[in-house]
């Protein structure tokens, strides 16, 4: 989950989308979307484990620029 910070700048959106496209091309991106209140968004990725997921998302430009705070949740798919 990505929540915008006070340092959010619209110029990070395109690099973030390019990052998502690259993750999607590697077959690791399942879903992505923004929250309707404009506070941030979320995406679902496939990773070997929680550490691998964290290592991946910290490379997202919305994180590296400080535009958003990222929280990674491990989700066990049961159905």
N, C-alpha and C. Protein backbone atom coordinates (compact mmCIF):
# COMPACT_ATOMS: atom_id res chain seq x y z
N UNK A 1 0.84 -1.15 0.00
CA UNK A 1 0.00 0.00 0.00
C UNK A 1 0.90 1.23 0.00
N UNK A 2 0.52 2.22 -0.78
CA UNK A 2 1.31 3.44 -0.90
C UNK A 2 0.46 4.63 -0.50
N UNK A 3 0.88 5.32 0.54
CA UNK A 3 0.16 6.50 1.02
C UNK A 3 1.01 7.74 0.74
N UNK A 4 0.40 8.71 0.08
CA UNK A 4 1.13 9.93 -0.28
C UNK A 4 1.62 10.68 0.97
N UNK A 5 2.79 11.27 0.82
CA UNK A 5 3.34 12.12 1.87
C UNK A 5 3.19 13.57 1.45
N UNK A 6 3.58 14.47 2.32
CA UNK A 6 3.54 15.89 1.98
C UNK A 6 4.54 16.23 0.88
N UNK A 7 5.47 15.33 0.60
CA UNK A 7 6.46 15.56 -0.46
C UNK A 7 6.00 15.03 -1.82
N UNK A 8 4.75 14.54 -1.90
CA UNK A 8 4.25 14.01 -3.17
C UNK A 8 4.27 15.11 -4.22
N UNK A 9 4.77 14.75 -5.40
CA UNK A 9 4.81 15.66 -6.55
C UNK A 9 4.32 14.87 -7.75
N UNK A 10 3.46 15.47 -8.52
CA UNK A 10 2.85 14.81 -9.67
C UNK A 10 3.88 14.29 -10.67
N UNK A 11 5.08 14.85 -10.68
CA UNK A 11 6.10 14.42 -11.64
C UNK A 11 6.57 12.98 -11.39
N UNK A 12 6.28 12.42 -10.23
CA UNK A 12 6.69 11.05 -9.93
C UNK A 12 5.74 10.03 -10.55
N UNK A 13 4.58 10.46 -11.00
CA UNK A 13 3.58 9.52 -11.50
C UNK A 13 4.09 8.74 -12.71
N UNK A 14 4.67 9.39 -13.68
CA UNK A 14 5.14 8.67 -14.88
C UNK A 14 6.28 7.70 -14.57
N UNK A 15 7.29 8.08 -13.80
CA UNK A 15 8.32 7.09 -13.43
C UNK A 15 7.72 5.91 -12.65
N UNK A 16 6.74 6.19 -11.80
CA UNK A 16 6.06 5.12 -11.05
C UNK A 16 5.34 4.19 -12.02
N UNK A 17 4.63 4.74 -12.99
CA UNK A 17 3.93 3.90 -13.97
C UNK A 17 4.91 3.08 -14.80
N UNK A 18 6.04 3.66 -15.16
CA UNK A 18 7.06 2.91 -15.91
C UNK A 18 7.60 1.76 -15.05
N UNK A 19 7.79 2.02 -13.76
CA UNK A 19 8.24 0.98 -12.84
C UNK A 19 7.21 -0.14 -12.78
N UNK A 20 5.93 0.21 -12.64
CA UNK A 20 4.86 -0.79 -12.63
C UNK A 20 4.85 -1.60 -13.92
N UNK A 21 5.04 -0.93 -15.06
CA UNK A 21 5.08 -1.64 -16.35
C UNK A 21 6.21 -2.66 -16.38
N UNK A 22 7.37 -2.30 -15.83
CA UNK A 22 8.51 -3.22 -15.81
C UNK A 22 8.22 -4.42 -14.90
N UNK A 23 7.60 -4.16 -13.76
CA UNK A 23 7.25 -5.25 -12.84
C UNK A 23 6.20 -6.15 -13.50
N UNK A 24 5.25 -5.54 -14.20
CA UNK A 24 4.23 -6.31 -14.93
C UNK A 24 4.87 -7.17 -16.02
N UNK A 25 5.83 -6.62 -16.74
CA UNK A 25 6.51 -7.35 -17.82
C UNK A 25 7.26 -8.57 -17.29
N UNK A 26 7.71 -8.50 -16.03
CA UNK A 26 8.39 -9.65 -15.41
C UNK A 26 7.40 -10.65 -14.83
N UNK A 27 6.12 -10.37 -14.97
CA UNK A 27 5.10 -11.28 -14.47
C UNK A 27 4.86 -11.20 -12.98
N UNK A 28 5.28 -10.10 -12.35
CA UNK A 28 5.15 -9.99 -10.90
C UNK A 28 4.02 -9.08 -10.44
N UNK A 29 3.39 -8.35 -11.34
CA UNK A 29 2.33 -7.43 -10.95
C UNK A 29 0.98 -8.04 -11.26
N UNK A 30 0.13 -8.13 -10.24
CA UNK A 30 -1.19 -8.72 -10.39
C UNK A 30 -2.25 -7.65 -10.62
N UNK A 31 -2.29 -6.65 -9.74
CA UNK A 31 -3.27 -5.57 -9.80
C UNK A 31 -2.64 -4.28 -9.32
N UNK A 32 -3.20 -3.17 -9.77
CA UNK A 32 -2.76 -1.86 -9.31
C UNK A 32 -3.91 -0.88 -9.42
N UNK A 33 -3.94 0.08 -8.53
CA UNK A 33 -4.98 1.09 -8.61
C UNK A 33 -4.79 2.17 -7.56
N UNK A 34 -5.46 3.30 -7.80
CA UNK A 34 -5.36 4.41 -6.85
C UNK A 34 -6.63 4.47 -6.00
N UNK A 35 -6.50 5.07 -4.82
CA UNK A 35 -7.64 5.26 -3.94
C UNK A 35 -8.43 6.46 -4.45
N UNK A 36 -9.74 6.35 -4.40
CA UNK A 36 -10.59 7.41 -4.97
C UNK A 36 -10.51 8.72 -4.20
N UNK A 37 -10.01 8.69 -2.97
CA UNK A 37 -9.89 9.94 -2.20
C UNK A 37 -8.57 10.66 -2.47
N UNK A 38 -7.72 10.09 -3.36
CA UNK A 38 -6.46 10.74 -3.72
C UNK A 38 -5.35 10.58 -2.69
N UNK A 39 -5.55 9.74 -1.69
CA UNK A 39 -4.55 9.60 -0.63
C UNK A 39 -3.41 8.66 -0.98
N UNK A 40 -3.55 7.90 -2.06
CA UNK A 40 -2.51 6.95 -2.44
C UNK A 40 -3.08 5.85 -3.29
N UNK A 41 -2.52 4.65 -3.15
CA UNK A 41 -2.98 3.53 -3.95
C UNK A 41 -2.38 2.24 -3.43
N UNK A 42 -2.63 1.19 -4.18
CA UNK A 42 -2.12 -0.11 -3.77
C UNK A 42 -1.82 -0.94 -5.01
N UNK A 43 -0.93 -1.89 -4.82
CA UNK A 43 -0.70 -2.86 -5.89
C UNK A 43 -0.40 -4.20 -5.26
N UNK A 44 -0.71 -5.24 -6.01
CA UNK A 44 -0.47 -6.61 -5.57
C UNK A 44 0.63 -7.18 -6.44
N UNK A 45 1.69 -7.66 -5.82
CA UNK A 45 2.80 -8.26 -6.55
C UNK A 45 2.98 -9.71 -6.12
N UNK A 46 3.62 -10.45 -6.97
CA UNK A 46 4.01 -11.82 -6.66
C UNK A 46 5.49 -11.82 -6.35
N UNK A 47 5.84 -12.42 -5.22
CA UNK A 47 7.24 -12.49 -4.82
C UNK A 47 7.47 -13.82 -4.11
N UNK A 48 8.71 -14.24 -4.09
CA UNK A 48 9.08 -15.50 -3.46
C UNK A 48 8.77 -15.52 -1.97
N UNK A 49 8.96 -14.36 -1.32
CA UNK A 49 8.69 -14.25 0.11
C UNK A 49 8.55 -12.77 0.46
N UNK A 50 8.27 -12.51 1.72
CA UNK A 50 8.05 -11.14 2.17
C UNK A 50 9.29 -10.27 1.98
N UNK A 51 10.45 -10.80 2.27
CA UNK A 51 11.69 -10.03 2.08
C UNK A 51 11.89 -9.65 0.62
N UNK A 52 11.61 -10.58 -0.29
CA UNK A 52 11.75 -10.30 -1.72
C UNK A 52 10.76 -9.23 -2.15
N UNK A 53 9.57 -9.27 -1.61
CA UNK A 53 8.56 -8.25 -1.93
C UNK A 53 9.04 -6.88 -1.46
N UNK A 54 9.55 -6.82 -0.25
CA UNK A 54 10.06 -5.54 0.28
C UNK A 54 11.23 -5.03 -0.55
N UNK A 55 12.14 -5.91 -0.94
CA UNK A 55 13.28 -5.51 -1.76
C UNK A 55 12.82 -4.93 -3.10
N UNK A 56 11.75 -5.47 -3.63
CA UNK A 56 11.23 -4.97 -4.91
C UNK A 56 10.58 -3.61 -4.74
N UNK A 57 9.67 -3.46 -3.79
CA UNK A 57 8.90 -2.22 -3.71
C UNK A 57 9.75 -1.02 -3.30
N UNK A 58 10.85 -1.23 -2.60
CA UNK A 58 11.67 -0.07 -2.24
C UNK A 58 12.37 0.55 -3.45
N UNK A 59 12.29 -0.11 -4.60
CA UNK A 59 12.85 0.47 -5.82
C UNK A 59 11.82 1.31 -6.59
N UNK A 60 10.59 1.33 -6.13
CA UNK A 60 9.53 2.12 -6.77
C UNK A 60 9.85 3.60 -6.61
N UNK A 61 9.80 4.38 -7.69
CA UNK A 61 10.08 5.81 -7.60
C UNK A 61 9.22 6.58 -6.60
N UNK A 62 8.00 6.12 -6.34
CA UNK A 62 7.21 6.84 -5.34
C UNK A 62 7.81 6.67 -3.94
N UNK A 63 8.59 5.61 -3.77
CA UNK A 63 9.30 5.42 -2.50
C UNK A 63 10.65 6.15 -2.53
N UNK A 64 11.42 5.94 -3.57
CA UNK A 64 12.78 6.50 -3.61
C UNK A 64 12.79 8.02 -3.58
N UNK A 65 11.71 8.66 -4.04
CA UNK A 65 11.62 10.12 -4.02
C UNK A 65 11.01 10.65 -2.73
N UNK A 66 10.48 9.74 -1.89
CA UNK A 66 9.81 10.18 -0.68
C UNK A 66 8.39 10.65 -0.90
N UNK A 67 7.87 10.43 -2.09
CA UNK A 67 6.52 10.89 -2.42
C UNK A 67 5.44 10.10 -1.70
N UNK A 68 5.74 8.87 -1.35
CA UNK A 68 4.78 8.01 -0.66
C UNK A 68 5.49 7.12 0.34
N UNK A 69 4.76 6.77 1.37
CA UNK A 69 5.24 5.77 2.32
C UNK A 69 4.63 4.44 1.93
N UNK A 70 5.46 3.42 1.81
CA UNK A 70 4.99 2.11 1.40
C UNK A 70 4.91 1.17 2.59
N UNK A 71 3.83 0.42 2.63
CA UNK A 71 3.66 -0.63 3.63
C UNK A 71 3.41 -1.92 2.86
N UNK A 72 4.16 -2.95 3.20
CA UNK A 72 4.03 -4.24 2.51
C UNK A 72 3.34 -5.21 3.44
N UNK A 73 2.29 -5.82 2.94
CA UNK A 73 1.56 -6.83 3.69
C UNK A 73 1.72 -8.16 2.98
N UNK A 74 1.97 -9.20 3.73
CA UNK A 74 2.02 -10.54 3.15
C UNK A 74 0.60 -11.08 3.11
N UNK A 75 0.20 -11.55 1.95
CA UNK A 75 -1.16 -12.00 1.75
C UNK A 75 -1.13 -13.44 1.29
N UNK A 76 -1.75 -14.30 2.04
CA UNK A 76 -1.82 -15.70 1.68
C UNK A 76 -3.09 -15.93 0.87
N UNK A 77 -2.93 -16.28 -0.38
CA UNK A 77 -4.07 -16.51 -1.25
C UNK A 77 -4.60 -17.92 -0.98
N UNK A 78 -5.87 -18.00 -0.66
CA UNK A 78 -6.45 -19.29 -0.28
C UNK A 78 -7.48 -19.82 -1.27
N UNK A 79 -7.79 -19.06 -2.26
CA UNK A 79 -8.82 -19.56 -3.17
C UNK A 79 -8.70 -19.07 -4.56
